[in-house]
Amino acid sequence: MTVRDDLQVALTEAMKAQDSTAVGALRSALAAIANAEAVPITIVPAAGAIEAAVGLGAAEAERLLLTDDEQREVVEFEINERLSAITDYETHGRSDASEKLKHEVATLQAVLADEG
């Protein structure tokens, strides 16, 4: 199973447990992977742009496929962003927000630990 598969399984479990914080973190990580797989936007010249795409699906492009290691890197980046935010929240006395982020970090780390 890939990291994405493990995130999906964990998401289902979190939804069944009605753990909204974990659900949010898992959906965010899945979205980050999907965004990383998006096709880069290329700049199309203004003249002739409409004429270039003719027919159904003419503008379709295949999405990138991240390897399992690349998916892991995306999730690790998500974890690191949250860890940085935790420090900021605690510095400013926002323990409620930092506790939520700590739960999100623990959720994502558990998925990576189970996967690895």
PDB file of N, CA and C in Angstrom:
ATOM      1  N   MET A   1       0.826  -1.188   0.000  1.00  0.00           N
ATOM      2  CA  MET A   1       0.000   0.000   0.000  1.00  0.00           C
ATOM      3  C   MET A   1       0.872   1.253   0.000  1.00  0.00           C
ATOM      4  N   THR A   2       0.373   2.276  -0.663  1.00  0.00           N
ATOM      5  CA  THR A   2       1.098   3.536  -0.719  1.00  0.00           C
ATOM      6  C   THR A   2       0.689   4.425   0.464  1.00  0.00           C
ATOM      7  N   VAL A   3       1.391   5.520   0.594  1.00  0.00           N
ATOM      8  CA  VAL A   3       1.054   6.486   1.644  1.00  0.00           C
ATOM      9  C   VAL A   3      -0.379   6.979   1.422  1.00  0.00           C
ATOM     10  N   ARG A   4      -0.736   7.248   0.173  1.00  0.00           N
ATOM     11  CA  ARG A   4      -2.095   7.701  -0.138  1.00  0.00           C
ATOM     12  C   ARG A   4      -3.124   6.668   0.311  1.00  0.00           C
ATOM     13  N   ASP A   5      -2.855   5.389   0.059  1.00  0.00           N
ATOM     14  CA  ASP A   5      -3.773   4.326   0.479  1.00  0.00           C
ATOM     15  C   ASP A   5      -3.922   4.309   2.003  1.00  0.00           C
ATOM     16  N   ASP A   6      -2.809   4.452   2.695  1.00  0.00           N
ATOM     17  CA  ASP A   6      -2.844   4.459   4.164  1.00  0.00           C
ATOM     18  C   ASP A   6      -3.613   5.668   4.696  1.00  0.00           C
ATOM     19  N   LEU A   7      -3.451   6.811   4.023  1.00  0.00           N
ATOM     20  CA  LEU A   7      -4.199   7.998   4.415  1.00  0.00           C
ATOM     21  C   LEU A   7      -5.702   7.775   4.223  1.00  0.00           C
ATOM     22  N   GLN A   8      -6.066   7.127   3.121  1.00  0.00           N
ATOM     23  CA  GLN A   8      -7.477   6.840   2.842  1.00  0.00           C
ATOM     24  C   GLN A   8      -8.065   5.916   3.906  1.00  0.00           C
ATOM     25  N   VAL A   9      -7.322   4.878   4.283  1.00  0.00           N
ATOM     26  CA  VAL A   9      -7.784   3.949   5.318  1.00  0.00           C
ATOM     27  C   VAL A   9      -7.948   4.690   6.649  1.00  0.00           C
ATOM     28  N   ALA A  10      -6.951   5.499   6.990  1.00  0.00           N
ATOM     29  CA  ALA A  10      -7.017   6.262   8.237  1.00  0.00           C
ATOM     30  C   ALA A  10      -8.170   7.257   8.208  1.00  0.00           C
ATOM     31  N   LEU A  11      -8.448   7.833   7.035  1.00  0.00           N
ATOM     32  CA  LEU A  11      -9.560   8.773   6.902  1.00  0.00           C
ATOM     33  C   LEU A  11     -10.888   8.074   7.180  1.00  0.00           C
ATOM     34  N   THR A  12     -11.056   6.897   6.622  1.00  0.00           N
ATOM     35  CA  THR A  12     -12.285   6.130   6.867  1.00  0.00           C
ATOM     36  C   THR A  12     -12.452   5.831   8.347  1.00  0.00           C
ATOM     37  N   GLU A  13     -11.370   5.421   8.986  1.00  0.00           N
ATOM     38  CA  GLU A  13     -11.423   5.122  10.420  1.00  0.00           C
ATOM     39  C   GLU A  13     -11.735   6.371  11.243  1.00  0.00           C
ATOM     40  N   ALA A  14     -11.133   7.497  10.877  1.00  0.00           N
ATOM     41  CA  ALA A  14     -11.374   8.751  11.603  1.00  0.00           C
ATOM     42  C   ALA A  14     -12.817   9.212  11.422  1.00  0.00           C
ATOM     43  N   MET A  15     -13.365   9.008  10.234  1.00  0.00           N
ATOM     44  CA  MET A  15     -14.754   9.388   9.992  1.00  0.00           C
ATOM     45  C   MET A  15     -15.699   8.521  10.820  1.00  0.00           C
ATOM     46  N   LYS A  16     -15.409   7.227  10.895  1.00  0.00           N
ATOM     47  CA  LYS A  16     -16.232   6.330  11.707  1.00  0.00           C
ATOM     48  C   LYS A  16     -16.157   6.709  13.187  1.00  0.00           C
ATOM     49  N   ALA A  17     -14.977   7.158  13.614  1.00  0.00           N
ATOM     50  CA  ALA A  17     -14.781   7.554  15.009  1.00  0.00           C
ATOM     51  C   ALA A  17     -15.277   8.975  15.274  1.00  0.00           C
ATOM     52  N   GLN A  18     -15.720   9.657  14.234  1.00  0.00           N
ATOM     53  CA  GLN A  18     -16.188  11.040  14.309  1.00  0.00           C
ATOM     54  C   GLN A  18     -15.137  11.974  14.911  1.00  0.00           C
ATOM     55  N   ASP A  19     -13.888  11.743  14.509  1.00  0.00           N
ATOM     56  CA  ASP A  19     -12.762  12.566  14.951  1.00  0.00           C
ATOM     57  C   ASP A  19     -12.529  13.644  13.895  1.00  0.00           C
ATOM     58  N   SER A  20     -13.199  14.781  14.063  1.00  0.00           N
ATOM     59  CA  SER A  20     -13.157  15.823  13.033  1.00  0.00           C
ATOM     60  C   SER A  20     -11.755  16.416  12.839  1.00  0.00           C
ATOM     61  N   THR A  21     -10.968  16.459  13.886  1.00  0.00           N
ATOM     62  CA  THR A  21      -9.610  16.999  13.760  1.00  0.00           C
ATOM     63  C   THR A  21      -8.753  16.085  12.899  1.00  0.00           C
ATOM     64  N   ALA A  22      -8.840  14.781  13.151  1.00  0.00           N
ATOM     65  CA  ALA A  22      -8.080  13.817  12.346  1.00  0.00           C
ATOM     66  C   ALA A  22      -8.577  13.811  10.907  1.00  0.00           C
ATOM     67  N   VAL A  23      -9.889  13.886  10.727  1.00  0.00           N
ATOM     68  CA  VAL A  23     -10.462  13.913   9.373  1.00  0.00           C
ATOM     69  C   VAL A  23      -9.907  15.109   8.603  1.00  0.00           C
ATOM     70  N   GLY A  24      -9.869  16.265   9.239  1.00  0.00           N
ATOM     71  CA  GLY A  24      -9.341  17.454   8.582  1.00  0.00           C
ATOM     72  C   GLY A  24      -7.879  17.315   8.195  1.00  0.00           C
ATOM     73  N   ALA A  25      -7.082  16.762   9.089  1.00  0.00           N
ATOM     74  CA  ALA A  25      -5.651  16.588   8.810  1.00  0.00           C
ATOM     75  C   ALA A  25      -5.431  15.596   7.670  1.00  0.00           C
ATOM     76  N   LEU A  26      -6.180  14.515   7.676  1.00  0.00           N
ATOM     77  CA  LEU A  26      -6.023  13.489   6.635  1.00  0.00           C
ATOM     78  C   LEU A  26      -6.497  14.005   5.274  1.00  0.00           C
ATOM     79  N   ARG A  27      -7.602  14.716   5.273  1.00  0.00           N
ATOM     80  CA  ARG A  27      -8.082  15.301   4.008  1.00  0.00           C
ATOM     81  C   ARG A  27      -7.091  16.324   3.478  1.00  0.00           C
ATOM     82  N   SER A  28      -6.510  17.101   4.378  1.00  0.00           N
ATOM     83  CA  SER A  28      -5.519  18.094   3.980  1.00  0.00           C
ATOM     84  C   SER A  28      -4.295  17.424   3.350  1.00  0.00           C
ATOM     85  N   ALA A  29      -3.836  16.340   3.947  1.00  0.00           N
ATOM     86  CA  ALA A  29      -2.675  15.621   3.413  1.00  0.00           C
ATOM     87  C   ALA A  29      -2.996  15.000   2.054  1.00  0.00           C
ATOM     88  N   LEU A  30      -4.194  14.426   1.925  1.00  0.00           N
ATOM     89  CA  LEU A  30      -4.602  13.854   0.633  1.00  0.00           C
ATOM     90  C   LEU A  30      -4.694  14.943  -0.433  1.00  0.00           C
ATOM     91  N   ALA A  31      -5.205  16.105  -0.064  1.00  0.00           N
ATOM     92  CA  ALA A  31      -5.299  17.218  -1.000  1.00  0.00           C
ATOM     93  C   ALA A  31      -3.914  17.717  -1.395  1.00  0.00           C
ATOM     94  N   ALA A  32      -2.988  17.733  -0.448  1.00  0.00           N
ATOM     95  CA  ALA A  32      -1.621  18.172  -0.751  1.00  0.00           C
ATOM     96  C   ALA A  32      -0.963  17.227  -1.752  1.00  0.00           C
ATOM     97  N   ILE A  33      -1.212  15.935  -1.606  1.00  0.00           N
ATOM     98  CA  ILE A  33      -0.674  14.970  -2.564  1.00  0.00           C
ATOM     99  C   ILE A  33      -1.312  15.190  -3.930  1.00  0.00           C
ATOM    100  N   ALA A  34      -2.625  15.374  -3.954  1.00  0.00           N
ATOM    101  CA  ALA A  34      -3.325  15.615  -5.224  1.00  0.00           C
ATOM    102  C   ALA A  34      -2.804  16.888  -5.891  1.00  0.00           C
ATOM    103  N   ASN A  35      -2.570  17.930  -5.104  1.00  0.00           N
ATOM    104  CA  ASN A  35      -2.034  19.171  -5.663  1.00  0.00           C
ATOM    105  C   ASN A  35      -0.631  18.974  -6.222  1.00  0.00           C
ATOM    106  N   ALA A  36       0.169  18.164  -5.555  1.00  0.00           N
ATOM    107  CA  ALA A  36       1.531  17.903  -6.024  1.00  0.00           C
ATOM    108  C   ALA A  36       1.515  17.120  -7.332  1.00  0.00           C
ATOM    109  N   GLU A  37       0.440  16.378  -7.560  1.00  0.00           N
ATOM    110  CA  GLU A  37       0.331  15.590  -8.790  1.00  0.00           C
ATOM    111  C   GLU A  37      -0.325  16.353  -9.937  1.00  0.00           C
ATOM    112  N   ALA A  38      -0.778  17.557  -9.672  1.00  0.00           N
ATOM    113  CA  ALA A  38      -1.420  18.352 -10.717  1.00  0.00           C
ATOM    114  C   ALA A  38      -0.417  18.694 -11.806  1.00  0.00           C
ATOM    115  N   VAL A  39      -0.922  18.807 -12.992  1.00  0.00           N
ATOM    116  CA  VAL A  39      -0.081  19.158 -14.127  1.00  0.00           C
ATOM    117  C   VAL A  39       0.308  20.620 -13.996  1.00  0.00           C
ATOM    118  N   PRO A  40       1.595  20.921 -14.164  1.00  0.00           N
ATOM    119  CA  PRO A  40       2.016  22.329 -14.070  1.00  0.00           C
ATOM    120  C   PRO A  40       1.308  23.164 -15.136  1.00  0.00           C
ATOM    121  N   ILE A  41       0.962  24.372 -14.758  1.00  0.00           N
ATOM    122  CA  ILE A  41       0.290  25.270 -15.701  1.00  0.00           C
ATOM    123  C   ILE A  41       1.343  25.825 -16.649  1.00  0.00           C
ATOM    124  N   THR A  42       1.067  25.690 -17.928  1.00  0.00           N
ATOM    125  CA  THR A  42       1.963  26.257 -18.927  1.00  0.00           C
ATOM    126  C   THR A  42       1.340  27.542 -19.436  1.00  0.00           C
ATOM    127  N   ILE A  43       2.159  28.449 -19.795  1.00  0.00           N
ATOM    128  CA  ILE A  43       1.673  29.730 -20.293  1.00  0.00           C
ATOM    129  C   ILE A  43       1.324  29.571 -21.763  1.00  0.00           C
ATOM    130  N   VAL A  44       0.067  29.868 -22.068  1.00  0.00           N
ATOM    131  CA  VAL A  44      -0.418  29.764 -23.438  1.00  0.00           C
ATOM    132  C   VAL A  44      -0.482  31.171 -24.006  1.00  0.00           C
ATOM    133  N   PRO A  45       0.046  31.369 -25.202  1.00  0.00           N
ATOM    134  CA  PRO A  45      -0.023  32.704 -25.788  1.00  0.00           C
ATOM    135  C   PRO A  45      -1.481  33.123 -25.995  1.00  0.00           C
ATOM    136  N   ALA A  46      -1.749  34.416 -25.829  1.00  0.00           N
ATOM    137  CA  ALA A  46      -3.120  34.924 -25.936  1.00  0.00           C
ATOM    138  C   ALA A  46      -3.686  34.713 -27.325  1.00  0.00           C
ATOM    139  N   ALA A  47      -2.901  34.916 -28.333  1.00  0.00           N
ATOM    140  CA  ALA A  47      -3.389  34.747 -29.699  1.00  0.00           C
ATOM    141  C   ALA A  47      -3.412  33.268 -30.053  1.00  0.00           C
ATOM    142  N   GLY A  48      -4.549  32.809 -30.519  1.00  0.00           N
ATOM    143  CA  GLY A  48      -4.657  31.427 -30.966  1.00  0.00           C
ATOM    144  C   GLY A  48      -4.886  30.425 -29.858  1.00  0.00           C
ATOM    145  N   ALA A  49      -5.100  30.897 -28.624  1.00  0.00           N
ATOM    146  CA  ALA A  49      -5.278  29.964 -27.511  1.00  0.00           C
ATOM    147  C   ALA A  49      -6.523  29.115 -27.685  1.00  0.00           C
ATOM    148  N   ILE A  50      -7.606  29.713 -28.154  1.00  0.00           N
ATOM    149  CA  ILE A  50      -8.851  28.971 -28.322  1.00  0.00           C
ATOM    150  C   ILE A  50      -8.723  27.984 -29.469  1.00  0.00           C
ATOM    151  N   GLU A  51      -8.074  28.402 -30.536  1.00  0.00           N
ATOM    152  CA  GLU A  51      -7.949  27.537 -31.698  1.00  0.00           C
ATOM    153  C   GLU A  51      -7.066  26.327 -31.414  1.00  0.00           C
ATOM    154  N   ALA A  52      -6.180  26.440 -30.431  1.00  0.00           N
ATOM    155  CA  ALA A  52      -5.258  25.343 -30.135  1.00  0.00           C
ATOM    156  C   ALA A  52      -5.968  24.145 -29.526  1.00  0.00           C
ATOM    157  N   ALA A  53      -7.047  24.375 -28.791  1.00  0.00           N
ATOM    158  CA  ALA A  53      -7.772  23.284 -28.145  1.00  0.00           C
ATOM    159  C   ALA A  53      -9.081  23.058 -28.886  1.00  0.00           C
ATOM    160  N   VAL A  54      -9.101  22.033 -29.710  1.00  0.00           N
ATOM    161  CA  VAL A  54     -10.293  21.734 -30.490  1.00  0.00           C
ATOM    162  C   VAL A  54     -10.714  20.309 -30.207  1.00  0.00           C
ATOM    163  N   GLY A  55     -11.978  20.106 -29.942  1.00  0.00           N
ATOM    164  CA  GLY A  55     -12.498  18.767 -29.724  1.00  0.00           C
ATOM    165  C   GLY A  55     -12.531  18.406 -28.255  1.00  0.00           C
ATOM    166  N   LEU A  56     -13.378  17.452 -27.957  1.00  0.00           N
ATOM    167  CA  LEU A  56     -13.554  17.005 -26.581  1.00  0.00           C
ATOM    168  C   LEU A  56     -12.259  16.401 -26.048  1.00  0.00           C
ATOM    169  N   GLY A  57     -11.798  16.908 -24.932  1.00  0.00           N
ATOM    170  CA  GLY A  57     -10.610  16.370 -24.286  1.00  0.00           C
ATOM    171  C   GLY A  57      -9.296  16.829 -24.879  1.00  0.00           C
ATOM    172  N   ALA A  58      -9.351  17.769 -25.815  1.00  0.00           N
ATOM    173  CA  ALA A  58      -8.116  18.224 -26.459  1.00  0.00           C
ATOM    174  C   ALA A  58      -7.170  18.888 -25.469  1.00  0.00           C
ATOM    175  N   ALA A  59      -7.719  19.482 -24.431  1.00  0.00           N
ATOM    176  CA  ALA A  59      -6.878  20.172 -23.457  1.00  0.00           C
ATOM    177  C   ALA A  59      -6.553  19.301 -22.250  1.00  0.00           C
ATOM    178  N   GLU A  60      -6.966  18.049 -22.270  1.00  0.00           N
ATOM    179  CA  GLU A  60      -6.707  17.142 -21.154  1.00  0.00           C
ATOM    180  C   GLU A  60      -5.224  16.785 -21.117  1.00  0.00           C
ATOM    181  N   ALA A  61      -4.707  16.675 -19.922  1.00  0.00           N
ATOM    182  CA  ALA A  61      -3.312  16.264 -19.752  1.00  0.00           C
ATOM    183  C   ALA A  61      -3.262  15.253 -18.621  1.00  0.00           C
ATOM    184  N   GLU A  62      -2.369  14.310 -18.717  1.00  0.00           N
ATOM    185  CA  GLU A  62      -2.214  13.306 -17.672  1.00  0.00           C
ATOM    186  C   GLU A  62      -1.628  13.937 -16.430  1.00  0.00           C
ATOM    187  N   ARG A  63      -2.151  13.523 -15.272  1.00  0.00           N
ATOM    188  CA  ARG A  63      -1.613  14.001 -13.998  1.00  0.00           C
ATOM    189  C   ARG A  63      -0.272  13.325 -13.734  1.00  0.00           C
ATOM    190  N   LEU A  64       0.538  13.973 -12.954  1.00  0.00           N
ATOM    191  CA  LEU A  64       1.789  13.372 -12.524  1.00  0.00           C
ATOM    192  C   LEU A  64       1.472  12.277 -11.514  1.00  0.00           C
ATOM    193  N   LEU A  65       2.289  11.279 -11.418  1.00  0.00           N
ATOM    194  CA  LEU A  65       2.112  10.230 -10.419  1.00  0.00           C
ATOM    195  C   LEU A  65       3.311  10.248  -9.492  1.00  0.00           C
ATOM    196  N   LEU A  66       3.071  10.583  -8.233  1.00  0.00           N
ATOM    197  CA  LEU A  66       4.149  10.629  -7.254  1.00  0.00           C
ATOM    198  C   LEU A  66       4.493   9.219  -6.795  1.00  0.00           C
ATOM    199  N   THR A  67       5.760   8.995  -6.574  1.00  0.00           N
ATOM    200  CA  THR A  67       6.183   7.726  -5.997  1.00  0.00           C
ATOM    201  C   THR A  67       5.786   7.714  -4.524  1.00  0.00           C
ATOM    202  N   ASP A  68       5.894   6.568  -3.899  1.00  0.00           N
ATOM    203  CA  ASP A  68       5.568   6.461  -2.481  1.00  0.00           C
ATOM    204  C   ASP A  68       6.468   7.371  -1.643  1.00  0.00           C
ATOM    205  N   ASP A  69       7.741   7.451  -2.004  1.00  0.00           N
ATOM    206  CA  ASP A  69       8.665   8.329  -1.274  1.00  0.00           C
ATOM    207  C   ASP A  69       8.284   9.799  -1.441  1.00  0.00           C
ATOM    208  N   GLU A  70       7.855  10.178  -2.638  1.00  0.00           N
ATOM    209  CA  GLU A  70       7.441  11.559  -2.870  1.00  0.00           C
ATOM    210  C   GLU A  70       6.150  11.881  -2.100  1.00  0.00           C
ATOM    211  N   GLN A  71       5.239  10.910  -2.032  1.00  0.00           N
ATOM    212  CA  GLN A  71       4.025  11.092  -1.239  1.00  0.00           C
ATOM    213  C   GLN A  71       4.384  11.273   0.235  1.00  0.00           C
ATOM    214  N   ARG A  72       5.331  10.480   0.707  1.00  0.00           N
ATOM    215  CA  ARG A  72       5.795  10.584   2.093  1.00  0.00           C
ATOM    216  C   ARG A  72       6.379  11.976   2.352  1.00  0.00           C
ATOM    217  N   GLU A  73       7.154  12.499   1.401  1.00  0.00           N
ATOM    218  CA  GLU A  73       7.749  13.831   1.550  1.00  0.00           C
ATOM    219  C   GLU A  73       6.669  14.902   1.664  1.00  0.00           C
ATOM    220  N   VAL A  74       5.600  14.764   0.895  1.00  0.00           N
ATOM    221  CA  VAL A  74       4.503  15.733   0.959  1.00  0.00           C
ATOM    222  C   VAL A  74       3.870  15.714   2.347  1.00  0.00           C
ATOM    223  N   VAL A  75       3.631  14.516   2.883  1.00  0.00           N
ATOM    224  CA  VAL A  75       3.022  14.402   4.209  1.00  0.00           C
ATOM    225  C   VAL A  75       3.988  14.924   5.277  1.00  0.00           C
ATOM    226  N   GLU A  76       5.267  14.646   5.137  1.00  0.00           N
ATOM    227  CA  GLU A  76       6.249  15.164   6.084  1.00  0.00           C
ATOM    228  C   GLU A  76       6.289  16.697   6.045  1.00  0.00           C
ATOM    229  N   PHE A  77       6.128  17.271   4.865  1.00  0.00           N
ATOM    230  CA  PHE A  77       6.069  18.727   4.750  1.00  0.00           C
ATOM    231  C   PHE A  77       4.841  19.262   5.490  1.00  0.00           C
ATOM    232  N   GLU A  78       3.707  18.577   5.348  1.00  0.00           N
ATOM    233  CA  GLU A  78       2.485  18.961   6.061  1.00  0.00           C
ATOM    234  C   GLU A  78       2.716  18.912   7.575  1.00  0.00           C
ATOM    235  N   ILE A  79       3.398  17.887   8.030  1.00  0.00           N
ATOM    236  CA  ILE A  79       3.695  17.754   9.467  1.00  0.00           C
ATOM    237  C   ILE A  79       4.582  18.907   9.926  1.00  0.00           C
ATOM    238  N   ASN A  80       5.626  19.200   9.151  1.00  0.00           N
ATOM    239  CA  ASN A  80       6.561  20.269   9.530  1.00  0.00           C
ATOM    240  C   ASN A  80       5.884  21.636   9.563  1.00  0.00           C
ATOM    241  N   GLU A  81       4.955  21.879   8.638  1.00  0.00           N
ATOM    242  CA  GLU A  81       4.211  23.141   8.666  1.00  0.00           C
ATOM    243  C   GLU A  81       3.410  23.261   9.960  1.00  0.00           C
ATOM    244  N   ARG A  82       2.783  22.171  10.364  1.00  0.00           N
ATOM    245  CA  ARG A  82       1.987  22.181  11.598  1.00  0.00           C
ATOM    246  C   ARG A  82       2.880  22.361  12.822  1.00  0.00           C
ATOM    247  N   LEU A  83       4.030  21.713  12.833  1.00  0.00           N
ATOM    248  CA  LEU A  83       4.954  21.870  13.965  1.00  0.00           C
ATOM    249  C   LEU A  83       5.403  23.317  14.103  1.00  0.00           C
ATOM    250  N   SER A  84       5.657  23.962  12.987  1.00  0.00           N
ATOM    251  CA  SER A  84       6.042  25.368  13.013  1.00  0.00           C
ATOM    252  C   SER A  84       4.899  26.231  13.543  1.00  0.00           C
ATOM    253  N   ALA A  85       3.690  25.928  13.116  1.00  0.00           N
ATOM    254  CA  ALA A  85       2.525  26.692  13.576  1.00  0.00           C
ATOM    255  C   ALA A  85       2.271  26.473  15.068  1.00  0.00           C
ATOM    256  N   ILE A  86       2.532  25.263  15.545  1.00  0.00           N
ATOM    257  CA  ILE A  86       2.363  24.977  16.978  1.00  0.00           C
ATOM    258  C   ILE A  86       3.247  25.908  17.800  1.00  0.00           C
ATOM    259  N   THR A  87       4.485  26.047  17.386  1.00  0.00           N
ATOM    260  CA  THR A  87       5.421  26.927  18.087  1.00  0.00           C
ATOM    261  C   THR A  87       4.894  28.358  18.099  1.00  0.00           C
ATOM    262  N   ASP A  88       4.395  28.814  16.945  1.00  0.00           N
ATOM    263  CA  ASP A  88       3.860  30.176  16.871  1.00  0.00           C
ATOM    264  C   ASP A  88       2.647  30.351  17.780  1.00  0.00           C
ATOM    265  N   TYR A  89       1.741  29.386  17.753  1.00  0.00           N
ATOM    266  CA  TYR A  89       0.546  29.481  18.594  1.00  0.00           C
ATOM    267  C   TYR A  89       0.913  29.498  20.074  1.00  0.00           C
ATOM    268  N   GLU A  90       1.848  28.642  20.472  1.00  0.00           N
ATOM    269  CA  GLU A  90       2.229  28.594  21.880  1.00  0.00           C
ATOM    270  C   GLU A  90       2.919  29.877  22.314  1.00  0.00           C
ATOM    271  N   THR A  91       3.693  30.464  21.408  1.00  0.00           N
ATOM    272  CA  THR A  91       4.352  31.734  21.701  1.00  0.00           C
ATOM    273  C   THR A  91       3.326  32.830  21.976  1.00  0.00           C
ATOM    274  N   HIS A  92       2.206  32.750  21.281  1.00  0.00           N
ATOM    275  CA  HIS A  92       1.168  33.774  21.413  1.00  0.00           C
ATOM    276  C   HIS A  92       0.035  33.362  22.344  1.00  0.00           C
ATOM    277  N   GLY A  93       0.257  32.319  23.125  1.00  0.00           N
ATOM    278  CA  GLY A  93      -0.717  31.924  24.126  1.00  0.00           C
ATOM    279  C   GLY A  93      -1.983  31.279  23.597  1.00  0.00           C
ATOM    280  N   ARG A  94      -1.909  30.679  22.427  1.00  0.00           N
ATOM    281  CA  ARG A  94      -3.076  30.027  21.834  1.00  0.00           C
ATOM    282  C   ARG A  94      -2.980  28.508  22.021  1.00  0.00           C
ATOM    283  N   SER A  95      -3.095  28.058  23.255  1.00  0.00           N
ATOM    284  CA  SER A  95      -2.939  26.636  23.554  1.00  0.00           C
ATOM    285  C   SER A  95      -4.052  25.799  22.929  1.00  0.00           C
ATOM    286  N   ASP A  96      -5.244  26.361  22.750  1.00  0.00           N
ATOM    287  CA  ASP A  96      -6.340  25.620  22.126  1.00  0.00           C
ATOM    288  C   ASP A  96      -6.001  25.248  20.684  1.00  0.00           C
ATOM    289  N   ALA A  97      -5.482  26.209  19.939  1.00  0.00           N
ATOM    290  CA  ALA A  97      -5.113  25.956  18.551  1.00  0.00           C
ATOM    291  C   ALA A  97      -3.900  25.029  18.457  1.00  0.00           C
ATOM    292  N   SER A  98      -2.953  25.196  19.372  1.00  0.00           N
ATOM    293  CA  SER A  98      -1.766  24.336  19.330  1.00  0.00           C
ATOM    294  C   SER A  98      -2.127  22.894  19.668  1.00  0.00           C
ATOM    295  N   GLU A  99      -3.081  22.688  20.571  1.00  0.00           N
ATOM    296  CA  GLU A  99      -3.504  21.325  20.904  1.00  0.00           C
ATOM    297  C   GLU A  99      -4.154  20.635  19.709  1.00  0.00           C
ATOM    298  N   LYS A 100      -4.943  21.390  18.973  1.00  0.00           N
ATOM    299  CA  LYS A 100      -5.576  20.829  17.769  1.00  0.00           C
ATOM    300  C   LYS A 100      -4.502  20.416  16.764  1.00  0.00           C
ATOM    301  N   LEU A 101      -3.518  21.282  16.556  1.00  0.00           N
ATOM    302  CA  LEU A 101      -2.451  20.964  15.604  1.00  0.00           C
ATOM    303  C   LEU A 101      -1.607  19.788  16.085  1.00  0.00           C
ATOM    304  N   LYS A 102      -1.415  19.678  17.380  1.00  0.00           N
ATOM    305  CA  LYS A 102      -0.668  18.529  17.914  1.00  0.00           C
ATOM    306  C   LYS A 102      -1.400  17.230  17.605  1.00  0.00           C
ATOM    307  N   HIS A 103      -2.721  17.251  17.699  1.00  0.00           N
ATOM    308  CA  HIS A 103      -3.524  16.077  17.367  1.00  0.00           C
ATOM    309  C   HIS A 103      -3.388  15.751  15.871  1.00  0.00           C
ATOM    310  N   GLU A 104      -3.391  16.794  15.028  1.00  0.00           N
ATOM    311  CA  GLU A 104      -3.217  16.586  13.594  1.00  0.00           C
ATOM    312  C   GLU A 104      -1.843  15.980  13.292  1.00  0.00           C
ATOM    313  N   VAL A 105      -0.816  16.511  13.942  1.00  0.00           N
ATOM    314  CA  VAL A 105       0.544  15.996  13.746  1.00  0.00           C
ATOM    315  C   VAL A 105       0.613  14.519  14.157  1.00  0.00           C
ATOM    316  N   ALA A 106       0.037  14.202  15.301  1.00  0.00           N
ATOM    317  CA  ALA A 106       0.053  12.813  15.779  1.00  0.00           C
ATOM    318  C   ALA A 106      -0.675  11.896  14.806  1.00  0.00           C
ATOM    319  N   THR A 107      -1.773  12.373  14.238  1.00  0.00           N
ATOM    320  CA  THR A 107      -2.535  11.581  13.264  1.00  0.00           C
ATOM    321  C   THR A 107      -1.689  11.287  12.034  1.00  0.00           C
ATOM    322  N   LEU A 108      -1.063  12.311  11.483  1.00  0.00           N
ATOM    323  CA  LEU A 108      -0.255  12.128  10.273  1.00  0.00           C
ATOM    324  C   LEU A 108       0.995  11.298  10.548  1.00  0.00           C
ATOM    325  N   GLN A 109       1.616  11.515  11.707  1.00  0.00           N
ATOM    326  CA  GLN A 109       2.793  10.712  12.049  1.00  0.00           C
ATOM    327  C   GLN A 109       2.436   9.246  12.223  1.00  0.00           C
ATOM    328  N   ALA A 110       1.251   8.970  12.773  1.00  0.00           N
ATOM    329  CA  ALA A 110       0.818   7.583  12.942  1.00  0.00           C
ATOM    330  C   ALA A 110       0.644   6.892  11.601  1.00  0.00           C
ATOM    331  N   VAL A 111       0.138   7.618  10.619  1.00  0.00           N
ATOM    332  CA  VAL A 111      -0.028   7.039   9.288  1.00  0.00           C
ATOM    333  C   VAL A 111       1.347   6.716   8.692  1.00  0.00           C
ATOM    334  N   LEU A 112       2.293   7.642   8.819  1.00  0.00           N
ATOM    335  CA  LEU A 112       3.626   7.388   8.283  1.00  0.00           C
ATOM    336  C   LEU A 112       4.324   6.250   9.026  1.00  0.00           C
ATOM    337  N   ALA A 113       4.100   6.163  10.321  1.00  0.00           N
ATOM    338  CA  ALA A 113       4.724   5.087  11.102  1.00  0.00           C
ATOM    339  C   ALA A 113       4.149   3.730  10.715  1.00  0.00           C
ATOM    340  N   ASP A 114       2.842   3.683  10.479  1.00  0.00           N
ATOM    341  CA  ASP A 114       2.202   2.425  10.062  1.00  0.00           C
ATOM    342  C   ASP A 114       2.633   2.037   8.663  1.00  0.00           C
ATOM    343  N   GLU A 115       2.859   3.050   7.808  1.00  0.00           N
ATOM    344  CA  GLU A 115       3.208   2.814   6.414  1.00  0.00           C
ATOM    345  C   GLU A 115       4.639   2.321   6.283  1.00  0.00           C
ATOM    346  N   GLY A 116       5.522   2.904   7.063  1.00  0.00           N
ATOM    347  CA  GLY A 116       6.949   2.616   6.929  1.00  0.00           C
ATOM    348  C   GLY A 116       7.273   1.364   7.571  1.00  0.00           C
TER     349      GLY A 116
END
